[in-house]
Amino acid sequence: MAEMVAMEAMEATVDNSLSRRVFRLIAVSVLPLTGFAQNAPGIALVPGDPLELVTGPAHAAVTPQDREAALQLLGRARNNFTLRESQTAYHLKVRFAVDSLGQTNYDGVWETDDLFDPQQGLRWIAKAASGYVTTRISSNGAVHGEGTASLLPLRLHEARGLLYDPLPSPAYAGRGSIRAASATFHGALVTCLLLARSLNPTNPPMGRGWEENEECIDPQSGLLQMHSEAPGRYVVYDYAKGPQLGGRVLPRTVTVTEAGRVVSRISVEGLEEIAPPDPSLYVPTGAMNAAGEAPAMSGATKMSRVHGSGPLTSAMTVRPVCVFGLVTPAGQLVEAHSLQPSDPNSEVAVEDAKTIDFSSSAPAGASPHQHFVFVIEKFISR
């Protein structure tokens, strides 16, 4: 989900080859903003969380050898999620339960059922106990669908992204900053990669920066253990009795937490190799064709907004709040909520993020797509 790559569009090509702004005085731990003027404000530390594994120093991967080692580890972990590259027909059944306290749509139990054929494409169905249902067909280079709504809810998009495409590709990650640190997770040593878009981000000397992804991988098995695209949101992978296909291992369970609270539990109920399904299953219905191309699911983007005015001084503190939401094909932010809900500026951050028009980010003539966004709202207090 870290790249702007349409997952469904990739699936579809398989048979061709494949506001009001408030400023408050807040007492926080801060670090100087290195790389700026000497009198630049400090920045609040990433909030503590049991799943925030990098709390000490991280080694910057600067040499070609260090960067290559990090990218090889990332690629090894990513390979386990590339089920369709096995060129094997499979049946995947997933069940997950959402408990977002109403911050996102369709809380409750969900079920998804996937039928993939390397010659035909992907057909999948999702149903929520709360009433949402959709059928999607990705075939012949196009995505079609029908159901409750054309837009896929945030938690459904999330569940599919975390099982199909949670990690950036090595080529994408290699464009930016890479730092690495060792940590212990569930009694085992893991290597945590901190990835940022910029080659020269402003990183703290201890712990993770606000703009960094955190990907913690078992260096022995190569399996992803913990994934975090932004501070406050963490995804834990458990491979106990995890299903396998074509040498790839999927987790048995995936647990998503936000602000220390579990919001989604995803379980892989079954994964098996099958004979090629009936080709008629991959033919769009008349209703699907009449509705036109359905929105494809893309990865996540990040952006920052600074709240404040006047010259910045060392007497000021920058306190970020990260807003997580889903951008519709029309460029609107929906299901937006704060990953630091206890912060005094949390509500203002969400309301400000909702005012952003994302429509200009879509290339002219591009197929419709929906994607996640992390808006890092930076509040400056004196």
Protein backbone atom coordinates (compact mmCIF):
# COMPACT_ATOMS: atom_id res chain seq x y z
CA MET A 1 0.00 0.00 0.00
CA ALA A 2 2.96 2.29 0.12
CA GLU A 3 3.09 2.87 -3.63
CA MET A 4 0.64 4.56 -5.94
CA VAL A 5 0.15 1.30 -7.84
CA ALA A 6 -3.40 0.18 -8.57
CA MET A 7 -3.64 -3.31 -7.12
CA GLU A 8 -6.76 -4.20 -9.03
CA ALA A 9 -5.32 -2.84 -12.26
CA MET A 10 -2.38 -5.17 -11.77
CA GLU A 11 -4.81 -8.01 -11.13
CA ALA A 12 -6.72 -7.08 -14.27
CA THR A 13 -3.74 -7.56 -16.58
CA VAL A 14 -3.02 -11.11 -15.57
CA ASP A 15 -4.34 -12.67 -18.76
CA ASN A 16 -2.23 -10.35 -20.90
CA SER A 17 0.86 -11.26 -18.85
CA LEU A 18 -0.44 -10.29 -15.78
CA SER A 19 -10.90 25.48 9.07
CA ARG A 20 -10.65 26.67 11.97
CA ARG A 21 -7.10 26.41 13.31
CA VAL A 22 -6.39 26.33 17.05
CA PHE A 23 -2.99 26.78 18.65
CA ARG A 24 -2.39 25.67 22.21
CA LEU A 25 0.60 25.61 24.54
CA ILE A 26 1.35 21.91 24.94
CA ALA A 27 3.98 20.42 27.25
CA VAL A 28 5.77 17.70 25.25
CA SER A 29 9.17 16.10 24.78
CA VAL A 30 10.80 17.70 21.78
CA LEU A 31 13.80 17.34 19.52
CA PRO A 32 15.46 20.10 17.50
CA LEU A 33 14.55 20.29 13.84
CA THR A 34 17.98 19.66 12.39
CA GLY A 35 18.59 20.80 8.86
CA PHE A 36 16.81 24.12 9.49
CA ALA A 37 17.97 27.41 10.92
CA GLN A 38 19.71 27.39 14.29
CA ASN A 39 16.62 28.85 15.96
CA ALA A 40 14.20 26.37 14.39
CA PRO A 41 11.46 24.92 16.62
CA GLY A 42 11.68 21.46 18.14
CA ILE A 43 9.40 18.63 17.05
CA ALA A 44 7.43 16.35 19.34
CA LEU A 45 8.58 12.77 19.60
CA VAL A 46 6.48 10.01 18.03
CA PRO A 47 4.05 8.94 20.80
CA GLY A 48 4.97 5.82 22.73
CA ASP A 49 3.22 2.58 21.83
CA PRO A 50 4.02 -1.07 22.67
CA LEU A 51 4.26 -1.70 18.92
CA GLU A 52 6.59 1.24 18.24
CA LEU A 53 9.68 -0.95 18.11
CA VAL A 54 12.35 1.59 17.11
CA THR A 55 12.93 3.79 20.15
CA GLY A 56 16.74 3.98 20.10
CA PRO A 57 19.25 5.00 17.43
CA ALA A 58 18.78 3.83 13.85
CA HIS A 59 21.63 3.30 11.40
CA ALA A 60 21.35 5.26 8.17
CA ALA A 61 21.87 3.02 5.14
CA VAL A 62 24.14 5.26 3.10
CA THR A 63 26.61 2.95 1.40
CA PRO A 64 25.50 0.92 -1.63
CA GLN A 65 26.15 -2.27 0.34
CA ASP A 66 23.95 -1.23 3.27
CA ARG A 67 21.15 -0.08 0.99
CA GLU A 68 21.28 -3.26 -1.07
CA ALA A 69 21.11 -5.44 2.05
CA ALA A 70 18.07 -3.53 3.31
CA LEU A 71 16.31 -3.68 -0.04
CA GLN A 72 16.98 -7.40 -0.40
CA LEU A 73 15.37 -8.00 3.00
CA LEU A 74 12.40 -5.86 2.00
CA GLY A 75 12.03 -7.71 -1.31
CA ARG A 76 12.19 -11.09 0.40
CA ALA A 77 9.38 -10.13 2.78
CA ARG A 78 7.32 -8.63 -0.03
CA ASN A 79 7.56 -11.77 -2.14
CA ASN A 80 5.34 -13.73 0.27
CA PHE A 81 2.37 -11.51 -0.56
CA THR A 82 2.65 -11.87 -4.35
CA LEU A 83 0.28 -14.82 -4.67
CA ARG A 84 -0.65 -14.07 -8.28
CA GLU A 85 2.96 -14.27 -9.40
CA SER A 86 2.92 -17.98 -8.58
CA GLN A 87 0.85 -18.40 -11.78
CA THR A 88 -1.35 -20.88 -9.92
CA ALA A 89 -5.14 -20.86 -9.75
CA TYR A 90 -6.22 -20.51 -6.13
CA HIS A 91 -9.19 -20.04 -3.80
CA LEU A 92 -8.67 -17.66 -0.87
CA LYS A 93 -11.19 -17.17 1.94
CA VAL A 94 -10.77 -14.38 4.49
CA ARG A 95 -12.83 -13.30 7.47
CA PHE A 96 -12.28 -10.12 9.48
CA ALA A 97 -14.00 -8.21 12.24
CA VAL A 98 -14.01 -4.40 12.46
CA ASP A 99 -14.50 -2.45 15.69
CA SER A 100 -13.71 1.19 14.92
CA LEU A 101 -16.35 2.65 17.27
CA GLY A 102 -18.00 4.18 14.23
CA GLN A 103 -14.95 6.13 13.04
CA THR A 104 -15.03 4.13 9.81
CA ASN A 105 -17.97 2.59 7.98
CA TYR A 106 -19.41 -0.91 8.37
CA ASP A 107 -18.20 -2.14 11.73
CA GLY A 108 -18.81 -5.82 12.37
CA VAL A 109 -17.95 -9.11 10.68
CA TRP A 110 -16.82 -9.34 7.06
CA GLU A 111 -16.16 -12.24 4.68
CA THR A 112 -14.31 -12.21 1.36
CA ASP A 113 -13.95 -14.98 -1.20
CA ASP A 114 -11.36 -14.84 -4.02
CA LEU A 115 -11.08 -17.02 -7.13
CA PHE A 116 -7.92 -16.39 -9.13
CA ASP A 117 -6.94 -17.92 -12.46
CA PRO A 118 -3.70 -16.75 -14.14
CA GLN A 119 -5.40 -17.10 -17.53
CA GLN A 120 -8.71 -15.43 -16.65
CA GLY A 121 -8.08 -12.93 -13.86
CA LEU A 122 -9.52 -12.38 -10.40
CA ARG A 123 -13.10 -12.58 -9.19
CA TRP A 124 -13.89 -11.77 -5.59
CA ILE A 125 -16.89 -11.17 -3.37
CA ALA A 126 -17.08 -9.28 -0.07
CA LYS A 127 -19.98 -9.24 2.37
CA ALA A 128 -20.44 -7.35 5.64
CA ALA A 129 -22.91 -8.39 8.30
CA SER A 130 -23.90 -4.72 8.50
CA GLY A 131 -25.23 -4.78 4.93
CA TYR A 132 -22.47 -4.02 2.44
CA VAL A 133 -21.88 -6.44 -0.45
CA THR A 134 -19.80 -6.22 -3.62
CA THR A 135 -18.62 -8.45 -6.46
CA ARG A 136 -15.50 -7.48 -8.40
CA ILE A 137 -14.04 -8.92 -11.60
CA SER A 138 -10.54 -7.93 -12.75
CA SER A 139 -9.97 -9.34 -16.21
CA ASN A 140 -8.75 -8.33 -19.67
CA GLY A 141 -7.12 -5.19 -18.35
CA ALA A 142 -10.27 -3.75 -16.72
CA VAL A 143 -12.00 -3.74 -13.35
CA HIS A 144 -15.78 -4.17 -13.12
CA GLY A 145 -18.04 -4.39 -10.11
CA GLU A 146 -21.52 -4.28 -8.72
CA GLY A 147 -23.01 -4.13 -5.25
CA THR A 148 -23.97 -1.71 -2.50
CA ALA A 149 -21.69 1.06 -3.78
CA SER A 150 -18.86 1.50 -6.26
CA LEU A 151 -16.55 2.77 -3.50
CA LEU A 152 -14.96 0.09 -1.35
CA PRO A 153 -15.09 0.99 2.38
CA LEU A 154 -11.83 1.81 4.12
CA ARG A 155 -11.63 -1.38 6.21
CA LEU A 156 -12.29 -3.62 3.20
CA HIS A 157 -9.64 -1.78 1.20
CA GLU A 158 -7.34 -2.10 4.20
CA ALA A 159 -7.83 -5.85 4.66
CA ARG A 160 -7.09 -6.57 1.00
CA GLY A 161 -4.09 -4.28 0.93
CA LEU A 162 -2.55 -5.85 4.04
CA LEU A 163 -2.81 -9.34 2.53
CA TYR A 164 -1.94 -8.53 -1.09
CA ASP A 165 0.40 -5.53 -1.09
CA PRO A 166 1.47 -4.11 2.30
CA LEU A 167 5.08 -3.29 1.40
CA PRO A 168 6.70 -0.91 -1.07
CA SER A 169 8.78 -2.48 -3.81
CA PRO A 170 12.57 -2.30 -3.43
CA ALA A 171 12.70 -0.06 -6.53
CA TYR A 172 10.32 2.43 -4.90
CA ALA A 173 11.90 2.28 -1.45
CA GLY A 174 15.35 2.68 -2.98
CA ARG A 175 14.51 6.21 -4.11
CA GLY A 176 14.37 7.57 -0.56
CA SER A 177 15.99 7.45 2.85
CA ILE A 178 16.57 4.07 4.51
CA ARG A 179 17.48 3.55 8.16
CA ALA A 180 17.73 0.25 10.01
CA ALA A 181 17.57 -0.83 13.65
CA SER A 182 17.42 -4.13 15.51
CA ALA A 183 14.59 -4.81 17.94
CA THR A 184 13.03 -7.69 19.84
CA PHE A 185 9.45 -8.63 19.00
CA HIS A 186 7.63 -11.53 20.64
CA GLY A 187 10.94 -12.78 21.96
CA ALA A 188 12.69 -12.85 18.56
CA LEU A 189 15.16 -10.52 16.91
CA VAL A 190 13.77 -8.45 14.03
CA THR A 191 15.28 -5.91 11.68
CA CYS A 192 13.21 -2.74 11.40
CA LEU A 193 13.56 -0.65 8.25
CA LEU A 194 12.59 3.02 8.47
CA LEU A 195 11.69 4.29 4.99
CA ALA A 196 11.03 7.89 3.94
CA ARG A 197 10.17 9.46 0.59
CA SER A 198 13.01 11.98 0.75
CA LEU A 199 16.69 11.11 0.53
CA ASN A 200 17.40 13.71 3.21
CA PRO A 201 14.50 13.76 5.69
CA THR A 202 14.70 15.42 9.08
CA ASN A 203 15.03 12.37 11.32
CA PRO A 204 15.42 12.34 15.09
CA PRO A 205 18.66 10.93 16.56
CA MET A 206 16.61 8.45 18.59
CA GLY A 207 13.53 6.63 17.36
CA ARG A 208 11.37 7.02 14.31
CA GLY A 209 10.53 10.16 12.37
CA TRP A 210 6.94 11.19 11.65
CA GLU A 211 7.36 10.76 7.88
CA GLU A 212 8.92 7.28 8.05
CA ASN A 213 7.31 3.92 7.35
CA GLU A 214 8.39 1.23 9.81
CA GLU A 215 8.72 -2.34 8.47
CA CYS A 216 9.98 -4.95 10.95
CA ILE A 217 11.08 -8.25 9.39
CA ASP A 218 12.40 -11.52 10.77
CA PRO A 219 15.87 -11.71 9.13
CA GLN A 220 15.92 -15.52 9.41
CA SER A 221 12.54 -16.38 7.84
CA GLY A 222 12.17 -13.18 5.83
CA LEU A 223 8.60 -12.79 7.09
CA LEU A 224 7.07 -9.38 7.82
CA GLN A 225 6.24 -9.12 11.53
CA MET A 226 5.07 -5.54 12.05
CA HIS A 227 4.06 -2.91 9.50
CA SER A 228 3.36 0.76 10.19
CA GLU A 229 2.86 3.41 7.54
CA ALA A 230 2.39 6.19 10.10
CA PRO A 231 2.86 6.61 13.86
CA GLY A 232 -0.26 5.53 15.73
CA ARG A 233 -1.28 2.76 13.27
CA TYR A 234 0.36 -0.65 13.56
CA VAL A 235 -0.25 -4.00 11.84
CA VAL A 236 0.96 -7.27 13.40
CA TYR A 237 1.36 -10.46 11.32
CA ASP A 238 1.09 -13.93 12.89
CA TYR A 239 2.20 -16.90 10.76
CA ALA A 240 1.33 -19.75 13.15
CA LYS A 241 -0.18 -22.42 10.85
CA GLY A 242 -0.14 -19.89 8.04
CA PRO A 243 -1.25 -21.24 4.63
CA GLN A 244 1.26 -21.62 1.79
CA LEU A 245 1.05 -21.44 -1.98
CA GLY A 246 3.90 -21.76 -4.46
CA GLY A 247 6.54 -21.35 -1.77
CA ARG A 248 4.84 -18.24 -0.40
CA VAL A 249 3.62 -18.01 3.20
CA LEU A 250 0.58 -15.95 4.18
CA PRO A 251 -0.16 -14.97 7.78
CA ARG A 252 -2.92 -16.82 9.57
CA THR A 253 -3.98 -13.64 11.36
CA VAL A 254 -3.38 -9.91 10.93
CA THR A 255 -4.19 -7.45 13.72
CA VAL A 256 -4.59 -3.72 13.10
CA THR A 257 -4.32 -1.26 15.98
CA GLU A 258 -4.85 2.49 16.02
CA ALA A 259 -3.85 4.60 19.02
CA GLY A 260 -3.29 1.42 21.03
CA ARG A 261 -6.69 -0.07 20.29
CA VAL A 262 -7.50 -3.06 18.02
CA VAL A 263 -9.75 -1.90 15.18
CA SER A 264 -9.59 -4.92 12.86
CA ARG A 265 -8.69 -8.61 13.15
CA ILE A 266 -8.15 -10.39 9.84
CA SER A 267 -8.07 -14.18 9.56
CA VAL A 268 -7.06 -16.23 6.52
CA GLU A 269 -9.63 -19.03 6.70
CA GLY A 270 -8.36 -20.98 3.70
CA LEU A 271 -5.95 -20.88 0.78
CA GLU A 272 -5.75 -23.75 -1.69
CA GLU A 273 -4.62 -24.48 -5.21
CA ILE A 274 -7.55 -25.30 -7.48
CA ALA A 275 -8.29 -26.40 -11.02
CA PRO A 276 -9.00 -23.53 -13.43
CA PRO A 277 -12.47 -22.13 -12.56
CA ASP A 278 -15.32 -21.80 -15.03
CA PRO A 279 -14.33 -19.00 -17.49
CA SER A 280 -17.87 -17.60 -17.36
CA LEU A 281 -17.17 -16.41 -13.80
CA TYR A 282 -14.82 -13.77 -15.22
CA VAL A 283 -17.26 -12.29 -17.71
CA PRO A 284 -18.75 -8.97 -16.46
CA THR A 285 -22.52 -8.93 -16.16
CA GLY A 286 -24.68 -6.54 -18.16
CA ALA A 287 -25.09 -4.36 -15.08
CA MET A 288 -21.32 -4.21 -14.60
CA ASN A 289 -20.75 -3.19 -18.21
CA ALA A 290 -23.48 -0.56 -17.99
CA ALA A 291 -21.89 0.93 -14.86
CA GLY A 292 -18.54 1.32 -16.57
CA GLU A 293 -15.12 0.73 -15.09
CA ALA A 294 -15.08 0.33 -11.31
CA PRO A 295 -12.56 2.20 -9.13
CA ALA A 296 -9.32 0.30 -8.67
CA MET A 297 -7.57 0.14 -5.32
CA SER A 298 -4.27 2.02 -5.16
CA GLY A 299 -1.66 2.39 -2.46
CA ALA A 300 -1.15 5.19 0.05
CA THR A 301 0.21 8.71 -0.21
CA LYS A 302 1.51 11.03 2.48
CA MET A 303 1.48 14.79 2.79
CA SER A 304 2.19 17.42 5.44
CA ARG A 305 0.45 20.66 6.36
CA VAL A 306 1.85 23.23 8.77
CA HIS A 307 -0.42 25.32 11.01
CA GLY A 308 1.07 28.59 12.17
CA SER A 309 2.31 31.97 11.04
CA GLY A 310 5.17 34.34 11.58
CA PRO A 311 8.87 33.55 12.03
CA LEU A 312 9.71 30.22 13.64
CA THR A 313 11.91 30.24 16.74
CA SER A 314 13.45 27.72 19.11
CA ALA A 315 10.82 28.73 21.69
CA MET A 316 8.20 26.95 19.58
CA THR A 317 7.24 23.28 19.35
CA VAL A 318 5.89 21.41 16.33
CA ARG A 319 3.34 18.79 17.39
CA PRO A 320 2.14 16.56 14.53
CA VAL A 321 -1.21 14.80 14.32
CA CYS A 322 -1.65 12.15 11.63
CA VAL A 323 -5.03 11.88 9.88
CA PHE A 324 -5.80 8.61 8.08
CA GLY A 325 -8.53 8.34 5.47
CA LEU A 326 -9.66 7.16 2.06
CA VAL A 327 -9.59 9.34 -1.08
CA THR A 328 -12.47 8.73 -3.51
CA PRO A 329 -12.15 8.82 -7.32
CA ALA A 330 -13.66 12.32 -7.13
CA GLY A 331 -10.81 13.48 -4.85
CA GLN A 332 -12.77 13.67 -1.60
CA LEU A 333 -11.43 12.45 1.74
CA VAL A 334 -13.84 10.08 3.51
CA GLU A 335 -13.74 7.96 6.67
CA ALA A 336 -11.02 10.31 7.95
CA HIS A 337 -9.94 9.99 11.56
CA SER A 338 -6.99 10.86 13.79
CA LEU A 339 -4.30 8.39 14.78
CA GLN A 340 -3.54 10.55 17.84
CA PRO A 341 -7.10 11.04 19.18
CA SER A 342 -5.94 12.17 22.63
CA ASP A 343 -4.00 15.12 21.19
CA PRO A 344 -5.77 18.46 21.84
CA ASN A 345 -5.50 19.34 18.15
CA SER A 346 -6.89 16.02 16.93
CA GLU A 347 -10.35 17.25 15.94
CA VAL A 348 -8.99 20.34 14.22
CA ALA A 349 -6.52 18.17 12.28
CA VAL A 350 -9.30 15.95 10.93
CA GLU A 351 -11.49 18.89 9.94
CA ASP A 352 -8.59 20.58 8.15
CA ALA A 353 -7.69 17.39 6.25
CA LYS A 354 -11.27 17.12 5.03
CA THR A 355 -10.95 20.49 3.28
CA ILE A 356 -8.21 19.25 0.95
CA ASP A 357 -9.16 18.73 -2.69
CA PHE A 358 -7.32 15.64 -3.91
CA SER A 359 -8.84 15.65 -7.39
CA SER A 360 -5.84 17.45 -8.92
CA SER A 361 -3.59 14.47 -8.05
CA ALA A 362 -5.34 12.21 -10.59
CA PRO A 363 -3.81 12.29 -14.11
CA ALA A 364 -6.17 13.42 -16.86
CA GLY A 365 -7.88 10.48 -18.51
CA ALA A 366 -6.74 7.99 -15.88
CA SER A 367 -8.98 5.13 -14.81
CA PRO A 368 -10.89 5.76 -11.57
CA HIS A 369 -9.14 4.69 -8.42
CA GLN A 370 -9.37 5.08 -4.65
CA HIS A 371 -6.41 5.24 -2.33
CA PHE A 372 -5.37 5.82 1.27
CA VAL A 373 -3.82 9.05 2.45
CA PHE A 374 -1.92 10.00 5.60
CA VAL A 375 -2.07 13.75 6.23
CA ILE A 376 0.49 14.83 8.82
CA GLU A 377 -0.94 18.02 10.33
CA LYS A 378 1.82 19.96 12.10
CA PHE A 379 0.70 22.40 14.81
CA ILE A 380 3.14 25.02 16.08
CA SER A 381 2.75 26.12 19.68
CA ARG A 382 4.69 28.80 21.54
